PDB file of N, CA and C in Angstrom:
ATOM      1  N   MET A   1    -175.560  42.891-203.960  1.00  0.00           N
ATOM      2  CA  MET A   1    -175.246  43.034-203.461  1.00  0.00           C
ATOM      3  C   MET A   1    -174.944  42.752-202.040  1.00  0.00           C
ATOM      4  N   SER A   2    -174.481  43.144-201.342  1.00  0.00           N
ATOM      5  CA  SER A   2    -174.247  42.215-199.851  1.00  0.00           C
ATOM      6  C   SER A   2    -174.819  42.779-198.894  1.00  0.00           C
ATOM      7  N   ILE A   3    -175.251  41.650-198.243  1.00  0.00           N
ATOM      8  CA  ILE A   3    -175.564  42.126-196.744  1.00  0.00           C
ATOM      9  C   ILE A   3    -174.803  42.981-195.769  1.00  0.00           C
ATOM     10  N   ARG A   4    -174.589  44.043-195.112  1.00  0.00           N
ATOM     11  CA  ARG A   4    -174.147  44.625-194.092  1.00  0.00           C
ATOM     12  C   ARG A   4    -175.076  44.289-192.498  1.00  0.00           C
ATOM     13  N   TYR A   5    -173.441  43.288-192.312  1.00  0.00           N
ATOM     14  CA  TYR A   5    -174.039  42.254-190.957  1.00  0.00           C
ATOM     15  C   TYR A   5    -173.657  43.212-189.767  1.00  0.00           C
ATOM     16  N   THR A   6    -174.408  43.119-188.126  1.00  0.00           N
ATOM     17  CA  THR A   6    -174.111  43.680-187.455  1.00  0.00           C
ATOM     18  C   THR A   6    -173.253  42.682-186.663  1.00  0.00           C
ATOM     19  N   VAL A   7    -172.196  43.421-185.853  1.00  0.00           N
ATOM     20  CA  VAL A   7    -170.666  42.984-185.666  1.00  0.00           C
ATOM     21  C   VAL A   7    -171.183  42.781-183.903  1.00  0.00           C
ATOM     22  N   ILE A   8    -171.284  41.590-183.072  1.00  0.00           N
ATOM     23  CA  ILE A   8    -170.376  41.633-181.796  1.00  0.00           C
ATOM     24  C   ILE A   8    -169.625  41.328-181.557  1.00  0.00           C
ATOM     25  N   ILE A   9    -169.365  41.671-179.802  1.00  0.00           N
ATOM     26  CA  ILE A   9    -167.590  41.397-179.461  1.00  0.00           C
ATOM     27  C   ILE A   9    -168.587  40.575-178.805  1.00  0.00           C
ATOM     28  N   HIS A  10    -167.946  39.404-178.805  1.00  0.00           N
ATOM     29  CA  HIS A  10    -168.255  38.276-177.564  1.00  0.00           C
ATOM     30  C   HIS A  10    -167.927  39.314-175.414  1.00  0.00           C
ATOM     31  N   GLN A  11    -168.469  38.879-174.769  1.00  0.00           N
ATOM     32  CA  GLN A  11    -167.889  39.084-173.770  1.00  0.00           C
ATOM     33  C   GLN A  11    -166.361  38.717-173.508  1.00  0.00           C
ATOM     34  N   TYR A  12    -166.414  37.314-173.489  1.00  0.00           N
ATOM     35  CA  TYR A  12    -165.730  36.714-173.383  1.00  0.00           C
ATOM     36  C   TYR A  12    -163.777  37.134-174.009  1.00  0.00           C
ATOM     37  N   ALA A  13    -164.214  37.377-175.825  1.00  0.00           N
ATOM     38  CA  ALA A  13    -163.094  37.699-176.322  1.00  0.00           C
ATOM     39  C   ALA A  13    -163.118  39.671-175.707  1.00  0.00           C
ATOM     40  N   GLU A  14    -163.561  39.962-175.595  1.00  0.00           N
ATOM     41  CA  GLU A  14    -163.222  41.186-174.639  1.00  0.00           C
ATOM     42  C   GLU A  14    -162.341  41.220-173.319  1.00  0.00           C
ATOM     43  N   LYS A  15    -163.448  39.977-172.787  1.00  0.00           N
ATOM     44  CA  LYS A  15    -161.856  39.871-171.140  1.00  0.00           C
ATOM     45  C   LYS A  15    -161.034  39.848-170.934  1.00  0.00           C
ATOM     46  N   HIS A  16    -161.030  38.917-172.626  1.00  0.00           N
ATOM     47  CA  HIS A  16    -159.880  37.615-172.104  1.00  0.00           C
ATOM     48  C   HIS A  16    -158.709  38.333-172.961  1.00  0.00           C
ATOM     49  N   TYR A  17    -159.296  38.561-174.452  1.00  0.00           N
ATOM     50  CA  TYR A  17    -157.622  39.198-174.515  1.00  0.00           C
ATOM     51  C   TYR A  17    -157.975  40.325-175.732  1.00  0.00           C
ATOM     52  N   ILE A  18    -158.810  40.882-175.113  1.00  0.00           N
ATOM     53  CA  ILE A  18    -159.226  42.318-176.151  1.00  0.00           C
ATOM     54  C   ILE A  18    -158.073  43.265-175.348  1.00  0.00           C
ATOM     55  N   LYS A  19    -158.669  43.074-174.489  1.00  0.00           N
ATOM     56  CA  LYS A  19    -157.412  44.068-173.208  1.00  0.00           C
ATOM     57  C   LYS A  19    -156.075  43.832-172.841  1.00  0.00           C
ATOM     58  N   TYR A  20    -155.785  42.308-173.540  1.00  0.00           N
ATOM     59  CA  TYR A  20    -153.795  42.692-173.802  1.00  0.00           C
ATOM     60  C   TYR A  20    -153.844  43.622-175.306  1.00  0.00           C
ATOM     61  N   PHE A  21    -154.376  43.354-175.551  1.00  0.00           N
ATOM     62  CA  PHE A  21    -154.598  44.121-176.855  1.00  0.00           C
ATOM     63  C   PHE A  21    -153.999  45.403-177.153  1.00  0.00           C
ATOM     64  N   LEU A  22    -155.057  45.962-175.545  1.00  0.00           N
ATOM     65  CA  LEU A  22    -155.595  47.326-175.543  1.00  0.00           C
ATOM     66  C   LEU A  22    -154.370  47.568-174.682  1.00  0.00           C
ATOM     67  N   LYS A  23    -154.260  47.037-174.057  1.00  0.00           N
ATOM     68  CA  LYS A  23    -152.416  47.027-173.024  1.00  0.00           C
ATOM     69  C   LYS A  23    -151.273  47.531-174.334  1.00  0.00           C
ATOM     70  N   LYS A  24    -151.470  46.236-174.611  1.00  0.00           N
ATOM     71  CA  LYS A  24    -149.924  46.444-174.995  1.00  0.00           C
ATOM     72  C   LYS A  24    -150.027  47.220-176.720  1.00  0.00           C
ATOM     73  N   TYR A  25    -150.837  47.974-177.659  1.00  0.00           N
ATOM     74  CA  TYR A  25    -150.776  48.880-178.202  1.00  0.00           C
ATOM     75  C   TYR A  25    -151.372  50.156-178.118  1.00  0.00           C
ATOM     76  N   LEU A  26    -152.449  50.217-176.672  1.00  0.00           N
ATOM     77  CA  LEU A  26    -152.792  51.819-176.822  1.00  0.00           C
ATOM     78  C   LEU A  26    -153.733  51.865-177.859  1.00  0.00           C
ATOM     79  N   SER A  27    -153.078  52.800-178.260  1.00  0.00           N
ATOM     80  CA  SER A  27    -154.124  53.474-179.560  1.00  0.00           C
ATOM     81  C   SER A  27    -154.350  53.093-180.364  1.00  0.00           C
ATOM     82  N   LYS A  28    -153.349  52.299-181.160  1.00  0.00           N
ATOM     83  CA  LYS A  28    -153.527  51.899-182.434  1.00  0.00           C
ATOM     84  C   LYS A  28    -154.643  50.775-182.162  1.00  0.00           C
ATOM     85  N   TRP A  29    -155.199  50.257-180.751  1.00  0.00           N
ATOM     86  CA  TRP A  29    -155.860  49.221-180.527  1.00  0.00           C
ATOM     87  C   TRP A  29    -156.834  49.789-181.157  1.00  0.00           C
ATOM     88  N   ASP A  30    -156.877  50.921-180.621  1.00  0.00           N
ATOM     89  CA  ASP A  30    -158.453  51.108-181.163  1.00  0.00           C
ATOM     90  C   ASP A  30    -158.810  51.718-182.415  1.00  0.00           C
ATOM     91  N   ILE A  31    -158.161  51.697-183.117  1.00  0.00           N
ATOM     92  CA  ILE A  31    -157.665  52.271-185.003  1.00  0.00           C
ATOM     93  C   ILE A  31    -158.121  50.895-185.369  1.00  0.00           C
ATOM     94  N   THR A  32    -156.905  49.566-184.981  1.00  0.00           N
ATOM     95  CA  THR A  32    -157.041  48.062-185.712  1.00  0.00           C
ATOM     96  C   THR A  32    -158.684  47.607-185.175  1.00  0.00           C
ATOM     97  N   LEU A  33    -159.525  47.300-183.994  1.00  0.00           N
ATOM     98  CA  LEU A  33    -160.830  47.016-183.285  1.00  0.00           C
ATOM     99  C   LEU A  33    -161.284  47.740-184.551  1.00  0.00           C
ATOM    100  N   LYS A  34    -161.753  49.355-184.586  1.00  0.00           N
ATOM    101  CA  LYS A  34    -162.415  49.933-185.410  1.00  0.00           C
ATOM    102  C   LYS A  34    -162.596  49.078-186.512  1.00  0.00           C
ATOM    103  N   ALA A  35    -161.392  48.825-187.647  1.00  0.00           N
ATOM    104  CA  ALA A  35    -161.178  48.084-188.574  1.00  0.00           C
ATOM    105  C   ALA A  35    -161.770  46.985-188.509  1.00  0.00           C
ATOM    106  N   ILE A  36    -161.225  46.134-187.371  1.00  0.00           N
ATOM    107  CA  ILE A  36    -162.116  44.535-188.021  1.00  0.00           C
ATOM    108  C   ILE A  36    -163.640  44.977-187.671  1.00  0.00           C
ATOM    109  N   VAL A  37    -164.181  46.028-186.902  1.00  0.00           N
ATOM    110  CA  VAL A  37    -165.660  45.899-187.392  1.00  0.00           C
ATOM    111  C   VAL A  37    -166.044  46.616-188.467  1.00  0.00           C
ATOM    112  N   PHE A  38    -165.346  46.964-189.069  1.00  0.00           N
ATOM    113  CA  PHE A  38    -165.515  47.047-190.339  1.00  0.00           C
ATOM    114  C   PHE A  38    -165.910  45.747-191.305  1.00  0.00           C
ATOM    115  N   GLN A  39    -164.257  45.675-191.373  1.00  0.00           N
ATOM    116  CA  GLN A  39    -164.229  44.297-192.113  1.00  0.00           C
ATOM    117  C   GLN A  39    -165.934  43.665-191.459  1.00  0.00           C
ATOM    118  N   LEU A  40    -165.720  42.932-190.416  1.00  0.00           N
ATOM    119  CA  LEU A  40    -166.963  42.676-190.261  1.00  0.00           C
ATOM    120  C   LEU A  40    -168.334  42.622-190.570  1.00  0.00           C
ATOM    121  N   GLU A  41    -168.066  44.386-190.653  1.00  0.00           N
ATOM    122  CA  GLU A  41    -169.754  43.976-191.398  1.00  0.00           C
ATOM    123  C   GLU A  41    -170.202  43.878-192.200  1.00  0.00           C
ATOM    124  N   ASN A  42    -169.057  44.224-193.120  1.00  0.00           N
ATOM    125  CA  ASN A  42    -169.242  43.588-194.684  1.00  0.00           C
ATOM    126  C   ASN A  42    -168.278  42.108-194.660  1.00  0.00           C
ATOM    127  N   VAL A  43    -168.634  41.323-194.424  1.00  0.00           N
ATOM    128  CA  VAL A  43    -168.144  40.050-193.651  1.00  0.00           C
ATOM    129  C   VAL A  43    -167.940  39.210-194.780  1.00  0.00           C
ATOM    130  N   ASP A  44    -168.390  39.409-196.133  1.00  0.00           N
ATOM    131  CA  ASP A  44    -168.648  38.897-197.609  1.00  0.00           C
ATOM    132  C   ASP A  44    -167.656  38.680-198.335  1.00  0.00           C
ATOM    133  N   GLU A  45    -167.527  40.541-198.150  1.00  0.00           N
ATOM    134  CA  GLU A  45    -166.271  40.644-199.097  1.00  0.00           C
ATOM    135  C   GLU A  45    -165.068  40.349-198.034  1.00  0.00           C
ATOM    136  N   LEU A  46    -165.609  40.712-197.255  1.00  0.00           N
ATOM    137  CA  LEU A  46    -163.826  39.675-196.762  1.00  0.00           C
ATOM    138  C   LEU A  46    -163.241  38.310-196.564  1.00  0.00           C
ATOM    139  N   SER A  47    -164.445  37.671-197.092  1.00  0.00           N
ATOM    140  CA  SER A  47    -164.340  35.893-196.974  1.00  0.00           C
ATOM    141  C   SER A  47    -163.277  35.849-198.444  1.00  0.00           C
ATOM    142  N   SER A  48    -163.317  36.715-199.013  1.00  0.00           N
ATOM    143  CA  SER A  48    -162.783  36.723-200.102  1.00  0.00           C
ATOM    144  C   SER A  48    -161.801  37.189-200.376  1.00  0.00           C
ATOM    145  N   THR A  49    -160.297  37.089-199.126  1.00  0.00           N
ATOM    146  CA  THR A  49    -159.808  37.618-199.095  1.00  0.00           C
ATOM    147  C   THR A  49    -158.952  36.344-199.039  1.00  0.00           C
ATOM    148  N   ASN A  50    -158.102  36.003-198.429  1.00  0.00           N
ATOM    149  CA  ASN A  50    -156.164  35.665-198.383  1.00  0.00           C
ATOM    150  C   ASN A  50    -156.159  35.377-197.193  1.00  0.00           C
ATOM    151  N   PHE A  51    -157.071  35.857-196.337  1.00  0.00           N
ATOM    152  CA  PHE A  51    -155.801  36.025-195.361  1.00  0.00           C
ATOM    153  C   PHE A  51    -157.360  35.483-194.333  1.00  0.00           C
ATOM    154  N   PHE A  52    -158.663  34.988-194.949  1.00  0.00           N
ATOM    155  CA  PHE A  52    -159.984  34.591-194.124  1.00  0.00           C
ATOM    156  C   PHE A  52    -160.036  33.250-194.449  1.00  0.00           C
ATOM    157  N   GLU A  53    -160.244  32.685-193.969  1.00  0.00           N
ATOM    158  CA  GLU A  53    -160.014  30.917-194.091  1.00  0.00           C
ATOM    159  C   GLU A  53    -160.731  30.800-193.075  1.00  0.00           C
ATOM    160  N   LYS A  54    -162.749  29.958-193.679  1.00  0.00           N
ATOM    161  CA  LYS A  54    -163.511  29.414-193.140  1.00  0.00           C
ATOM    162  C   LYS A  54    -162.800  27.752-192.092  1.00  0.00           C
ATOM    163  N   ILE A  55    -162.885  27.878-191.483  1.00  0.00           N
ATOM    164  CA  ILE A  55    -162.654  26.558-190.676  1.00  0.00           C
ATOM    165  C   ILE A  55    -163.840  24.924-190.192  1.00  0.00           C
ATOM    166  N   ASN A  56    -164.542  25.839-189.827  1.00  0.00           N
ATOM    167  CA  ASN A  56    -166.454  25.000-189.580  1.00  0.00           C
ATOM    168  C   ASN A  56    -167.389  25.670-190.147  1.00  0.00           C
ATOM    169  N   VAL A  57    -168.196  24.142-190.565  1.00  0.00           N
ATOM    170  CA  VAL A  57    -169.555  24.704-191.245  1.00  0.00           C
ATOM    171  C   VAL A  57    -170.447  24.431-191.298  1.00  0.00           C
ATOM    172  N   TYR A  58    -171.624  24.983-190.923  1.00  0.00           N
ATOM    173  CA  TYR A  58    -172.835  24.357-189.797  1.00  0.00           C
ATOM    174  C   TYR A  58    -173.960  24.876-191.172  1.00  0.00           C
ATOM    175  N   GLU A  59    -175.189  24.870-190.849  1.00  0.00           N
ATOM    176  CA  GLU A  59    -176.369  25.088-191.225  1.00  0.00           C
ATOM    177  C   GLU A  59    -176.758  26.309-191.246  1.00  0.00           C
ATOM    178  N   ASP A  60    -176.727  26.057-189.904  1.00  0.00           N
ATOM    179  CA  ASP A  60    -176.795  27.675-190.040  1.00  0.00           C
ATOM    180  C   ASP A  60    -176.209  29.406-189.513  1.00  0.00           C
ATOM    181  N   TYR A  61    -174.525  28.711-189.648  1.00  0.00           N
ATOM    182  CA  TYR A  61    -173.380  29.449-188.929  1.00  0.00           C
ATOM    183  C   TYR A  61    -172.294  28.732-190.172  1.00  0.00           C
ATOM    184  N   TYR A  62    -170.759  29.780-189.916  1.00  0.00           N
ATOM    185  CA  TYR A  62    -169.877  29.041-189.958  1.00  0.00           C
ATOM    186  C   TYR A  62    -168.660  29.734-189.163  1.00  0.00           C
ATOM    187  N   ILE A  63    -167.452  28.757-188.011  1.00  0.00           N
ATOM    188  CA  ILE A  63    -166.809  29.751-187.704  1.00  0.00           C
ATOM    189  C   ILE A  63    -164.832  29.845-188.200  1.00  0.00           C
ATOM    190  N   ALA A  64    -165.182  31.545-188.471  1.00  0.00           N
ATOM    191  CA  ALA A  64    -163.421  31.654-189.514  1.00  0.00           C
ATOM    192  C   ALA A  64    -162.591  31.911-188.968  1.00  0.00           C
ATOM    193  N   LYS A  65    -161.039  32.124-188.842  1.00  0.00           N
ATOM    194  CA  LYS A  65    -160.364  33.059-189.071  1.00  0.00           C
ATOM    195  C   LYS A  65    -159.635  33.832-189.597  1.00  0.00           C
ATOM    196  N   VAL A  66    -159.196  34.401-189.326  1.00  0.00           N
ATOM    197  CA  VAL A  66    -158.865  35.723-189.861  1.00  0.00           C
ATOM    198  C   VAL A  66    -157.933  36.333-189.307  1.00  0.00           C
ATOM    199  N   GLU A  67    -156.866  36.761-190.915  1.00  0.00           N
ATOM    200  CA  GLU A  67    -155.446  37.098-189.968  1.00  0.00           C
ATOM    201  C   GLU A  67    -155.852  38.554-190.098  1.00  0.00           C
ATOM    202  N   PHE A  68    -154.505  39.524-189.344  1.00  0.00           N
ATOM    203  CA  PHE A  68    -154.636  41.424-189.310  1.00  0.00           C
ATOM    204  C   PHE A  68    -152.939  41.561-188.999  1.00  0.00           C
ATOM    205  N   THR A  69    -153.450  42.722-188.408  1.00  0.00           N
ATOM    206  CA  THR A  69    -151.966  43.605-188.214  1.00  0.00           C
ATOM    207  C   THR A  69    -152.747  44.699-187.815  1.00  0.00           C
ATOM    208  N   VAL A  70    -151.860  45.323-186.491  1.00  0.00           N
ATOM    209  CA  VAL A  70    -152.469  45.959-185.756  1.00  0.00           C
ATOM    210  C   VAL A  70    -152.545  47.565-186.388  1.00  0.00           C
ATOM    211  N   ALA A  71    -153.056  48.724-186.477  1.00  0.00           N
ATOM    212  CA  ALA A  71    -152.158  49.564-187.400  1.00  0.00           C
ATOM    213  C   ALA A  71    -150.940  50.079-186.500  1.00  0.00           C
ATOM    214  N   GLY A  72    -150.189  50.709-187.914  1.00  0.00           N
ATOM    215  CA  GLY A  72    -149.521  51.292-186.989  1.00  0.00           C
ATOM    216  C   GLY A  72    -147.924  50.665-187.222  1.00  0.00           C
ATOM    217  N   THR A  73    -148.020  49.203-187.300  1.00  0.00           N
ATOM    218  CA  THR A  73    -146.981  48.134-187.171  1.00  0.00           C
ATOM    219  C   THR A  73    -146.470  47.428-188.626  1.00  0.00           C
ATOM    220  N   LYS A  74    -145.694  48.088-188.944  1.00  0.00           N
ATOM    221  CA  LYS A  74    -144.933  47.747-189.704  1.00  0.00           C
ATOM    222  C   LYS A  74    -144.892  46.245-190.651  1.00  0.00           C
ATOM    223  N   GLU A  75    -145.651  45.339-190.066  1.00  0.00           N
ATOM    224  CA  GLU A  75    -145.903  43.905-190.316  1.00  0.00           C
ATOM    225  C   GLU A  75    -147.009  43.450-191.504  1.00  0.00           C
ATOM    226  N   SER A  76    -146.660  42.536-191.452  1.00  0.00           N
ATOM    227  CA  SER A  76    -147.477  41.675-192.662  1.00  0.00           C
ATOM    228  C   SER A  76    -148.631  41.105-191.690  1.00  0.00           C
ATOM    229  N   LYS A  77    -150.154  41.289-192.089  1.00  0.00           N
ATOM    230  CA  LYS A  77    -151.138  40.104-191.660  1.00  0.00           C
ATOM    231  C   LYS A  77    -150.218  39.031-191.465  1.00  0.00           C
ATOM    232  N   LYS A  78    -149.886  38.540-192.066  1.00  0.00           N
ATOM    233  CA  LYS A  78    -149.381  36.555-191.971  1.00  0.00           C
ATOM    234  C   LYS A  78    -148.277  37.167-190.790  1.00  0.00           C
ATOM    235  N   SER A  79    -147.278  37.489-191.007  1.00  0.00           N
ATOM    236  CA  SER A  79    -146.023  37.198-190.039  1.00  0.00           C
ATOM    237  C   SER A  79    -146.860  37.809-188.754  1.00  0.00           C
ATOM    238  N   SER A  80    -147.754  39.032-189.047  1.00  0.00           N
ATOM    239  CA  SER A  80    -148.340  39.473-187.313  1.00  0.00           C
ATOM    240  C   SER A  80    -148.014  38.393-186.531  1.00  0.00           C
ATOM    241  N   GLY A  81    -149.000  37.228-186.660  1.00  0.00           N
ATOM    242  CA  GLY A  81    -148.662  36.395-185.674  1.00  0.00           C
ATOM    243  C   GLY A  81    -150.670  36.133-185.186  1.00  0.00           C
ATOM    244  N   CYS A  82    -151.323  37.959-185.617  1.00  0.00           N
ATOM    245  CA  CYS A  82    -152.430  38.222-185.078  1.00  0.00           C
ATOM    246  C   CYS A  82    -153.554  37.596-185.421  1.00  0.00           C
ATOM    247  N   ARG A  83    -154.445  36.995-184.899  1.00  0.00           N
ATOM    248  CA  ARG A  83    -155.612  36.607-185.382  1.00  0.00           C
ATOM    249  C   ARG A  83    -157.431  36.824-184.432  1.00  0.00           C
ATOM    250  N   TYR A  84    -158.153  36.516-185.350  1.00  0.00           N
ATOM    251  CA  TYR A  84    -159.234  36.196-184.315  1.00  0.00           C
ATOM    252  C   TYR A  84    -159.904  35.759-185.483  1.00  0.00           C
ATOM    253  N   ILE A  85    -161.327  35.484-184.763  1.00  0.00           N
ATOM    254  CA  ILE A  85    -162.076  33.629-184.540  1.00  0.00           C
ATOM    255  C   ILE A  85    -163.464  34.406-184.853  1.00  0.00           C
ATOM    256  N   VAL A  86    -164.330  34.688-185.779  1.00  0.00           N
ATOM    257  CA  VAL A  86    -165.917  34.899-186.042  1.00  0.00           C
ATOM    258  C   VAL A  86    -166.989  34.204-186.065  1.00  0.00           C
ATOM    259  N   LYS A  87    -167.657  34.267-185.650  1.00  0.00           N
ATOM    260  CA  LYS A  87    -168.378  33.452-185.542  1.00  0.00           C
ATOM    261  C   LYS A  87    -169.719  34.205-186.619  1.00  0.00           C
ATOM    262  N   VAL A  88    -170.125  33.068-188.025  1.00  0.00           N
ATOM    263  CA  VAL A  88    -170.551  34.311-189.038  1.00  0.00           C
ATOM    264  C   VAL A  88    -172.568  33.553-188.856  1.00  0.00           C
ATOM    265  N   SER A  89    -173.529  34.058-189.295  1.00  0.00           N
ATOM    266  CA  SER A  89    -174.517  33.424-189.042  1.00  0.00           C
ATOM    267  C   SER A  89    -175.287  34.623-190.902  1.00  0.00           C
ATOM    268  N   LYS A  90    -175.068  33.518-191.761  1.00  0.00           N
ATOM    269  CA  LYS A  90    -175.664  34.802-193.033  1.00  0.00           C
ATOM    270  C   LYS A  90    -177.208  34.607-192.740  1.00  0.00           C
ATOM    271  N   LYS A  91    -177.915  33.669-192.047  1.00  0.00           N
ATOM    272  CA  LYS A  91    -179.395  34.176-191.768  1.00  0.00           C
ATOM    273  C   LYS A  91    -179.443  34.926-190.440  1.00  0.00           C
ATOM    274  N   GLU A  92    -179.022  35.479-190.156  1.00  0.00           N
ATOM    275  CA  GLU A  92    -179.532  36.307-189.048  1.00  0.00           C
ATOM    276  C   GLU A  92    -178.454  37.436-189.321  1.00  0.00           C
ATOM    277  N   ALA A  93    -177.433  37.368-190.125  1.00  0.00           N
ATOM    278  CA  ALA A  93    -177.036  38.886-190.849  1.00  0.00           C
ATOM    279  C   ALA A  93    -175.893  39.316-189.519  1.00  0.00           C
ATOM    280  N   ILE A  94    -175.098  38.118-188.862  1.00  0.00           N
ATOM    281  CA  ILE A  94    -174.705  38.552-187.249  1.00  0.00           C
ATOM    282  C   ILE A  94    -172.815  38.037-187.690  1.00  0.00           C
ATOM    283  N   ALA A  95    -172.318  38.890-187.200  1.00  0.00           N
ATOM    284  CA  ALA A  95    -170.413  38.598-187.571  1.00  0.00           C
ATOM    285  C   ALA A  95    -170.447  38.370-185.998  1.00  0.00           C
ATOM    286  N   GLU A  96    -169.957  38.087-185.109  1.00  0.00           N
ATOM    287  CA  GLU A  96    -169.621  38.246-183.859  1.00  0.00           C
ATOM    288  C   GLU A  96    -167.996  36.923-183.800  1.00  0.00           C
ATOM    289  N   LEU A  97    -167.515  38.309-182.875  1.00  0.00           N
ATOM    290  CA  LEU A  97    -166.597  38.379-183.340  1.00  0.00           C
ATOM    291  C   LEU A  97    -165.695  37.714-181.322  1.00  0.00           C
ATOM    292  N   LEU A  98    -165.662  35.994-181.019  1.00  0.00           N
ATOM    293  CA  LEU A  98    -165.746  35.034-180.495  1.00  0.00           C
ATOM    294  C   LEU A  98    -163.761  35.648-179.608  1.00  0.00           C
ATOM    295  N   LEU A  99    -163.247  35.464-180.402  1.00  0.00           N
ATOM    296  CA  LEU A  99    -161.664  35.562-179.871  1.00  0.00           C
ATOM    297  C   LEU A  99    -160.821  36.565-180.682  1.00  0.00           C
ATOM    298  N   VAL A 100    -159.709  36.796-179.866  1.00  0.00           N
ATOM    299  CA  VAL A 100    -158.820  37.732-180.503  1.00  0.00           C
ATOM    300  C   VAL A 100    -157.387  36.861-180.297  1.00  0.00           C
ATOM    301  N   TYR A 101    -156.429  37.419-180.733  1.00  0.00           N
ATOM    302  CA  TYR A 101    -155.096  36.876-180.271  1.00  0.00           C
ATOM    303  C   TYR A 101    -153.898  37.169-181.428  1.00  0.00           C
ATOM    304  N   ASN A 102    -152.582  36.484-180.147  1.00  0.00           N
ATOM    305  CA  ASN A 102    -151.751  36.492-181.216  1.00  0.00           C
ATOM    306  C   ASN A 102    -150.969  35.294-180.712  1.00  0.00           C
ATOM    307  N   LYS A 103    -151.231  34.510-182.075  1.00  0.00           N
ATOM    308  CA  LYS A 103    -150.665  32.879-182.075  1.00  0.00           C
ATOM    309  C   LYS A 103    -149.395  32.887-181.624  1.00  0.00           C
ATOM    310  N   ASN A 104    -148.686  33.693-181.635  1.00  0.00           N
ATOM    311  CA  ASN A 104    -146.649  33.778-181.077  1.00  0.00           C
ATOM    312  C   ASN A 104    -146.764  33.308-179.414  1.00  0.00           C
ATOM    313  N   ASP A 105    -148.107  34.006-178.442  1.00  0.00           N
ATOM    314  CA  ASP A 105    -148.004  34.650-177.271  1.00  0.00           C
ATOM    315  C   ASP A 105    -149.268  32.937-176.514  1.00  0.00           C
ATOM    316  N   LEU A 106    -149.247  32.116-177.712  1.00  0.00           N
ATOM    317  CA  LEU A 106    -149.799  30.632-177.491  1.00  0.00           C
ATOM    318  C   LEU A 106    -148.791  30.153-176.424  1.00  0.00           C
ATOM    319  N   ASN A 107    -149.795  28.646-175.147  1.00  0.00           N
ATOM    320  CA  ASN A 107    -149.023  27.849-174.905  1.00  0.00           C
ATOM    321  C   ASN A 107    -148.805  26.331-175.265  1.00  0.00           C
ATOM    322  N   MET A 108    -148.903  26.369-176.296  1.00  0.00           N
ATOM    323  CA  MET A 108    -149.402  25.535-177.488  1.00  0.00           C
ATOM    324  C   MET A 108    -148.908  25.197-178.222  1.00  0.00           C
ATOM    325  N   LYS A 109    -148.218  24.411-178.556  1.00  0.00           N
ATOM    326  CA  LYS A 109    -148.470  24.157-180.498  1.00  0.00           C
ATOM    327  C   LYS A 109    -148.779  24.316-181.212  1.00  0.00           C
ATOM    328  N   ASN A 110    -150.429  22.969-181.219  1.00  0.00           N
ATOM    329  CA  ASN A 110    -151.596  23.356-182.132  1.00  0.00           C
ATOM    330  C   ASN A 110    -152.428  24.457-182.142  1.00  0.00           C
ATOM    331  N   GLU A 111    -151.984  26.005-182.783  1.00  0.00           N
ATOM    332  CA  GLU A 111    -152.989  26.988-182.859  1.00  0.00           C
ATOM    333  C   GLU A 111    -154.266  26.283-182.768  1.00  0.00           C
ATOM    334  N   THR A 112    -154.721  25.583-184.042  1.00  0.00           N
ATOM    335  CA  THR A 112    -156.502  25.617-183.733  1.00  0.00           C
ATOM    336  C   THR A 112    -157.356  24.628-182.824  1.00  0.00           C
ATOM    337  N   THR A 113    -156.261  24.001-182.559  1.00  0.00           N
ATOM    338  CA  THR A 113    -156.959  22.925-180.986  1.00  0.00           C
ATOM    339  C   THR A 113    -156.518  23.963-179.745  1.00  0.00           C
ATOM    340  N   TRP A 114    -156.068  24.981-179.866  1.00  0.00           N
ATOM    341  CA  TRP A 114    -155.691  26.173-178.571  1.00  0.00           C
ATOM    342  C   TRP A 114    -157.553  26.800-178.875  1.00  0.00           C
ATOM    343  N   TRP A 115    -157.333  26.978-180.139  1.00  0.00           N
ATOM    344  CA  TRP A 115    -158.483  28.243-180.213  1.00  0.00           C
ATOM    345  C   TRP A 115    -160.043  27.296-180.335  1.00  0.00           C
ATOM    346  N   GLN A 116    -160.158  26.445-180.560  1.00  0.00           N
ATOM    347  CA  GLN A 116    -161.179  25.626-180.351  1.00  0.00           C
ATOM    348  C   GLN A 116    -161.665  25.046-179.216  1.00  0.00           C
ATOM    349  N   LYS A 117    -160.268  25.242-178.309  1.00  0.00           N
ATOM    350  CA  LYS A 117    -160.709  25.014-176.777  1.00  0.00           C
ATOM    351  C   LYS A 117    -161.681  26.077-175.791  1.00  0.00           C
ATOM    352  N   HIS A 118    -160.935  27.366-176.408  1.00  0.00           N
ATOM    353  CA  HIS A 118    -161.459  28.066-175.851  1.00  0.00           C
ATOM    354  C   HIS A 118    -162.329  28.945-176.330  1.00  0.00           C
ATOM    355  N   ILE A 119    -163.221  29.206-177.286  1.00  0.00           N
ATOM    356  CA  ILE A 119    -164.483  28.690-177.658  1.00  0.00           C
ATOM    357  C   ILE A 119    -165.609  27.816-177.553  1.00  0.00           C
ATOM    358  N   GLU A 120    -165.411  26.471-177.583  1.00  0.00           N
ATOM    359  CA  GLU A 120    -165.967  25.626-177.263  1.00  0.00           C
ATOM    360  C   GLU A 120    -167.284  25.563-176.483  1.00  0.00           C
ATOM    361  N   ASP A 121    -167.254  26.246-175.702  1.00  0.00           N
ATOM    362  CA  ASP A 121    -168.331  26.955-173.866  1.00  0.00           C
ATOM    363  C   ASP A 121    -169.035  28.235-174.654  1.00  0.00           C
ATOM    364  N   ILE A 122    -168.245  28.770-175.749  1.00  0.00           N
ATOM    365  CA  ILE A 122    -169.695  30.239-176.457  1.00  0.00           C
ATOM    366  C   ILE A 122    -170.158  29.912-177.782  1.00  0.00           C
ATOM    367  N   VAL A 123    -169.878  28.929-177.887  1.00  0.00           N
ATOM    368  CA  VAL A 123    -170.794  28.454-179.515  1.00  0.00           C
ATOM    369  C   VAL A 123    -171.749  28.136-179.492  1.00  0.00           C
TER     370      VAL A 123
END
């Protein structure tokens, strides 16, 4: 039996990046965010997919990068460039959405360096 996780959307993600997706995709973003929350409530199942990648594993939690696509678009998860970063605490059963971004909008060549810089103060 899998654990149902509590999902928290970090204030940083809400203020800085989710606003961008909401503005760009309008009502499609609402559907997408609900789907992301549902996935994170069931993150153990999500972690077995090929668009989920554990990046950093610590004693109490891990950080993962997940590819997604916006509802109603015809792009695949991989080609869309849409990603989110999540912190998962199995012990507390919490999945915290830290960052949502599109890799095509980055102003750096190294995607991993970019998102690690953005989450280092909030993890």
